[in-house]
Amino acid sequence: MNKNNKIINWQVLNDAEAVAQEASQRIFRSSQQAIERSGGFKIVLAGGRTPEQTYRLLKDMDCDWKHWQIYYGDERCLPEYHNERNNVMASRAWLDYVPIPDIQIHPMPTDIRAAYIYRNLIKEARPFDMVLLGMGEDGHTASLFPEQQHPENELVHAIYNAPKPPRERISLSISALSNTHELLFFVTGAEKREAVAAWRRGENLPVAQIKPRAGATVLIDRAAYG
C-alpha cells in the first residue's frame, strides 16, 4: 500500500444519497462525542451537492445545537447573499432551521482583503473536532488547486488566481484542515474517477496533502470509485 494511503479508510457506498446518509450519521455521532469530551463541537463545512444533501438530513436531527461552532473550509469572494457562496447554501439547506446561536456560525468574509480576519479566528479555533471536504475533478479540495503555491505558515490563504471562477477565493490551508480529530471526505460521481485513481496511486494532489494524525475517511460512491 502506498504510504499516502496508510491512514485513509475508503468506504464505498452505492450512490450520493447513501454517502449523504452515512455522512449525516457520522457527523451526529462525532458531535455527541465532542460535546461529551470538551463541551462543544467545532466543525468545518464543505460546499458541493453531496454536502448539501447531508445538511438537509442534519436539519431534522435532534442534536445539541447550542454547543456547535460552524466554520468553513473555503469560500468564493462574492456578495454576502450570492447563491454560489457556501455559507448561503449551508444556511438555506440546514442552518436556518436549527437553533445554533448566530455568534457561533462563522462565515468567511466577502472581500478577499479581509482574509486576515479569518486567520485570527482559525488560530484560536484549532484543533477542530471534524472537517468536511469534497474533491474536484482535478483533485482539488476546498480552494486548494493543483500546482498552486501558498505560504506554508499561513492558516488561511487569500487566493487571487483560482483556475475556475470566481478567481478570488479564501481557503483554509493544508495545515489548518489537517488539524482535526476527524476528517471526512465526500467523493461522488463518475467524473471524479480519474482523480480518485491518481489519489489512490499516491500522486501528490491537493486532496492527498490533508493528513490529520488520526487519519481520514473517504465516503465514496461506486461511480467515483470505479
Protein backbone atom coordinates (compact mmCIF):
# COMPACT_ATOMS: atom_id res chain seq x y z
CA MET A 1 0.00 0.00 0.00
CA ASN A 2 1.26 3.49 -0.85
CA LYS A 3 2.38 5.42 2.22
CA ASN A 4 -0.13 8.19 1.40
CA ASN A 5 -2.98 5.70 1.80
CA LYS A 6 -1.97 4.11 5.12
CA ILE A 7 -4.33 6.20 7.21
CA ILE A 8 -7.19 6.54 4.73
CA ASN A 9 -10.34 4.49 5.21
CA TRP A 10 -12.16 4.14 1.87
CA GLN A 11 -15.86 3.42 2.44
CA VAL A 12 -17.60 2.60 -0.85
CA LEU A 13 -21.35 3.26 -0.90
CA ASN A 14 -23.97 2.79 -3.60
CA ASP A 15 -24.66 6.39 -4.58
CA ALA A 16 -24.56 10.02 -3.50
CA GLU A 17 -27.69 9.59 -1.40
CA ALA A 18 -26.06 6.77 0.57
CA VAL A 19 -22.95 8.92 1.04
CA ALA A 20 -25.08 11.74 2.44
CA GLN A 21 -26.92 9.36 4.77
CA GLU A 22 -23.68 7.89 6.13
CA ALA A 23 -22.10 11.32 6.49
CA SER A 24 -25.03 12.73 8.45
CA GLN A 25 -24.89 9.82 10.90
CA ARG A 26 -21.12 10.21 11.34
CA ILE A 27 -21.45 13.94 11.95
CA PHE A 28 -24.18 13.34 14.51
CA ARG A 29 -22.06 10.78 16.40
CA SER A 30 -18.98 12.96 16.24
CA SER A 31 -20.91 15.91 17.67
CA GLN A 32 -22.14 13.85 20.60
CA GLN A 33 -18.65 12.56 21.36
CA ALA A 34 -17.05 16.01 21.13
CA ILE A 35 -19.64 17.63 23.37
CA GLU A 36 -19.17 14.87 25.95
CA ARG A 37 -15.39 15.24 25.68
CA SER A 38 -14.98 19.02 25.70
CA GLY A 39 -18.38 20.69 25.91
CA GLY A 40 -18.53 21.80 22.29
CA PHE A 41 -18.36 20.66 18.68
CA LYS A 42 -16.25 22.59 16.15
CA ILE A 43 -16.94 21.58 12.56
CA VAL A 44 -15.59 22.89 9.25
CA LEU A 45 -18.11 22.72 6.40
CA ALA A 46 -17.61 21.93 2.73
CA GLY A 47 -19.54 23.14 -0.29
CA GLY A 48 -20.95 20.95 -3.05
CA ARG A 49 -24.01 18.90 -3.94
CA THR A 50 -23.38 15.90 -1.67
CA PRO A 51 -22.60 18.05 1.40
CA GLU A 52 -25.83 19.93 0.66
CA GLN A 53 -27.75 16.64 0.74
CA THR A 54 -26.05 15.88 4.05
CA TYR A 55 -27.00 19.25 5.51
CA ARG A 56 -30.65 18.73 4.58
CA LEU A 57 -30.59 15.49 6.59
CA LEU A 58 -28.89 17.15 9.54
CA LYS A 59 -31.58 19.80 9.94
CA ASP A 60 -34.07 17.12 11.02
CA MET A 61 -31.78 15.53 13.61
CA ASP A 62 -32.07 16.03 17.35
CA CYS A 63 -28.62 17.46 18.02
CA ASP A 64 -27.39 19.57 20.92
CA TRP A 65 -27.17 22.57 18.60
CA LYS A 66 -26.34 25.18 21.23
CA HIS A 67 -22.85 23.66 21.57
CA TRP A 68 -21.96 23.69 17.86
CA GLN A 69 -19.41 26.04 16.28
CA ILE A 70 -19.56 26.32 12.48
CA TYR A 71 -16.57 27.21 10.28
CA TYR A 72 -15.97 26.99 6.53
CA GLY A 73 -13.17 25.31 4.61
CA ASP A 74 -13.30 27.78 1.74
CA GLU A 75 -15.45 30.43 0.16
CA ARG A 76 -15.96 32.33 -3.06
CA CYS A 77 -15.43 36.08 -2.73
CA LEU A 78 -18.90 37.06 -3.84
CA PRO A 79 -21.60 39.34 -2.36
CA GLU A 80 -22.98 38.29 1.01
CA TYR A 81 -26.18 36.62 -0.21
CA HIS A 82 -24.92 35.28 -3.53
CA ASN A 83 -26.30 31.83 -4.37
CA GLU A 84 -22.83 30.42 -5.09
CA ARG A 85 -21.44 31.13 -1.63
CA ASN A 86 -21.00 28.04 0.52
CA ASN A 87 -22.41 29.72 3.60
CA VAL A 88 -25.59 30.68 1.72
CA MET A 89 -26.07 27.06 0.62
CA ALA A 90 -25.47 25.72 4.14
CA SER A 91 -27.87 28.27 5.63
CA ARG A 92 -30.69 27.51 3.21
CA ALA A 93 -30.27 23.74 3.48
CA TRP A 94 -29.72 23.49 7.24
CA LEU A 95 -28.51 26.31 9.46
CA ASP A 96 -31.59 28.50 9.10
CA TYR A 97 -33.65 25.66 10.60
CA VAL A 98 -31.68 24.84 13.76
CA PRO A 99 -31.02 26.86 16.94
CA ILE A 100 -27.26 27.31 16.65
CA PRO A 101 -26.58 30.81 18.05
CA ASP A 102 -25.61 33.23 15.28
CA ILE A 103 -22.43 34.15 17.16
CA GLN A 104 -21.30 30.52 16.77
CA ILE A 105 -21.63 30.49 12.98
CA HIS A 106 -18.51 31.91 11.32
CA PRO A 107 -18.90 32.68 7.59
CA MET A 108 -15.84 33.77 5.64
CA PRO A 109 -15.54 37.41 4.52
CA THR A 110 -16.90 38.50 1.16
CA ASP A 111 -13.78 40.61 0.47
CA ILE A 112 -10.51 38.75 -0.13
CA ARG A 113 -8.62 41.59 1.59
CA ALA A 114 -10.30 40.54 4.85
CA ALA A 115 -8.83 37.03 4.83
CA TYR A 116 -6.66 38.05 7.78
CA ILE A 117 -9.80 38.23 9.94
CA TYR A 118 -10.47 34.54 9.36
CA ARG A 119 -6.81 33.72 10.03
CA ASN A 120 -7.17 35.14 13.53
CA LEU A 121 -10.39 33.20 14.08
CA ILE A 122 -8.92 29.89 12.91
CA LYS A 123 -5.80 30.38 15.00
CA GLU A 124 -7.97 30.32 18.13
CA ALA A 125 -10.39 27.62 16.93
CA ARG A 126 -7.94 24.76 16.34
CA PRO A 127 -7.98 21.85 16.71
CA PHE A 128 -11.31 21.14 15.05
CA ASP A 129 -13.46 18.20 16.01
CA MET A 130 -14.43 17.44 12.41
CA VAL A 131 -13.53 18.74 8.95
CA LEU A 132 -15.68 18.03 5.91
CA LEU A 133 -14.09 18.19 2.46
CA GLY A 134 -15.04 17.41 -1.11
CA MET A 135 -12.86 16.81 -4.14
CA GLY A 136 -12.94 18.31 -7.63
CA GLU A 137 -12.30 16.51 -10.91
CA ASP A 138 -8.71 17.83 -10.86
CA GLY A 139 -8.04 16.62 -7.31
CA HIS A 140 -8.50 20.00 -5.67
CA THR A 141 -10.11 20.31 -2.25
CA ALA A 142 -11.51 23.40 -0.55
CA SER A 143 -9.95 26.07 -2.83
CA LEU A 144 -6.52 24.42 -2.89
CA PHE A 145 -5.81 23.71 -6.56
CA PRO A 146 -3.05 21.65 -8.22
CA GLU A 147 0.24 23.42 -8.94
CA GLN A 148 -0.59 26.46 -6.84
CA GLN A 149 1.88 27.59 -4.20
CA HIS A 150 0.91 29.10 -0.85
CA PRO A 151 2.92 30.20 2.20
CA GLU A 152 3.26 27.12 4.40
CA ASN A 153 2.92 29.09 7.62
CA GLU A 154 -0.50 30.54 6.74
CA LEU A 155 -3.65 29.11 8.27
CA VAL A 156 -5.91 30.82 5.73
CA HIS A 157 -4.97 31.70 2.16
CA ALA A 158 -6.18 34.60 0.07
CA ILE A 159 -6.39 33.13 -3.45
CA TYR A 160 -6.37 35.56 -6.36
CA ASN A 161 -5.90 33.20 -9.29
CA ALA A 162 -8.23 30.22 -8.91
CA PRO A 163 -8.40 28.28 -12.21
CA LYS A 164 -12.21 28.33 -12.11
CA PRO A 165 -14.48 31.30 -11.45
CA PRO A 166 -14.60 33.26 -9.33
CA ARG A 167 -10.85 33.71 -9.30
CA GLU A 168 -10.82 35.35 -5.87
CA ARG A 169 -11.42 32.94 -3.00
CA ILE A 170 -10.47 32.32 0.61
CA SER A 171 -9.38 28.86 1.77
CA LEU A 172 -8.14 27.17 4.89
CA SER A 173 -4.62 25.86 4.42
CA ILE A 174 -3.35 22.29 4.39
CA SER A 175 -2.11 22.65 7.95
CA ALA A 176 -5.38 24.14 9.22
CA LEU A 177 -7.53 21.48 7.54
CA SER A 178 -5.26 18.75 8.88
CA ASN A 179 -5.59 19.98 12.46
CA THR A 180 -8.71 17.99 13.28
CA HIS A 181 -9.75 14.97 15.31
CA GLU A 182 -11.80 13.61 12.40
CA LEU A 183 -11.70 14.23 8.64
CA LEU A 184 -14.49 13.21 6.30
CA PHE A 185 -14.22 13.41 2.51
CA PHE A 186 -17.27 13.31 0.20
CA VAL A 187 -16.49 11.96 -3.29
CA THR A 188 -19.33 11.19 -5.70
CA GLY A 189 -19.82 10.94 -9.46
CA ALA A 190 -18.08 9.17 -12.33
CA GLU A 191 -16.32 12.39 -13.34
CA LYS A 192 -14.16 12.05 -10.20
CA ARG A 193 -12.93 8.55 -11.07
CA GLU A 194 -9.65 9.58 -12.72
CA ALA A 195 -8.66 11.85 -9.83
CA VAL A 196 -9.59 9.12 -7.33
CA ALA A 197 -7.33 6.67 -9.17
CA ALA A 198 -4.47 9.18 -9.07
CA TRP A 199 -5.05 9.76 -5.35
CA ARG A 200 -5.01 6.02 -4.65
CA ARG A 201 -1.76 5.70 -6.64
CA GLY A 202 -0.19 8.21 -4.27
CA GLU A 203 0.04 11.21 -6.58
CA ASN A 204 0.58 14.50 -4.76
CA LEU A 205 -2.82 16.05 -5.38
CA PRO A 206 -4.10 18.75 -3.00
CA VAL A 207 -6.69 16.31 -1.66
CA ALA A 208 -3.90 13.88 -0.72
CA GLN A 209 -2.00 16.50 1.24
CA ILE A 210 -4.61 16.86 4.01
CA LYS A 211 -3.32 14.40 6.60
CA PRO A 212 -4.62 14.55 10.18
CA ARG A 213 -2.80 12.40 12.70
CA ALA A 214 -5.94 10.33 13.22
CA GLY A 215 -6.32 9.69 9.50
CA ALA A 216 -9.27 10.31 7.21
CA THR A 217 -12.39 8.58 5.98
CA VAL A 218 -13.44 8.86 2.35
CA LEU A 219 -17.14 8.30 1.76
CA ILE A 220 -17.26 7.50 -1.95
CA ASP A 221 -19.94 6.20 -4.27
CA ARG A 222 -19.40 3.33 -6.70
CA ALA A 223 -19.42 5.62 -9.70
CA ALA A 224 -16.40 7.56 -8.40
CA TYR A 225 -14.53 4.56 -7.04
CA GLY A 226 -14.56 2.68 -10.32
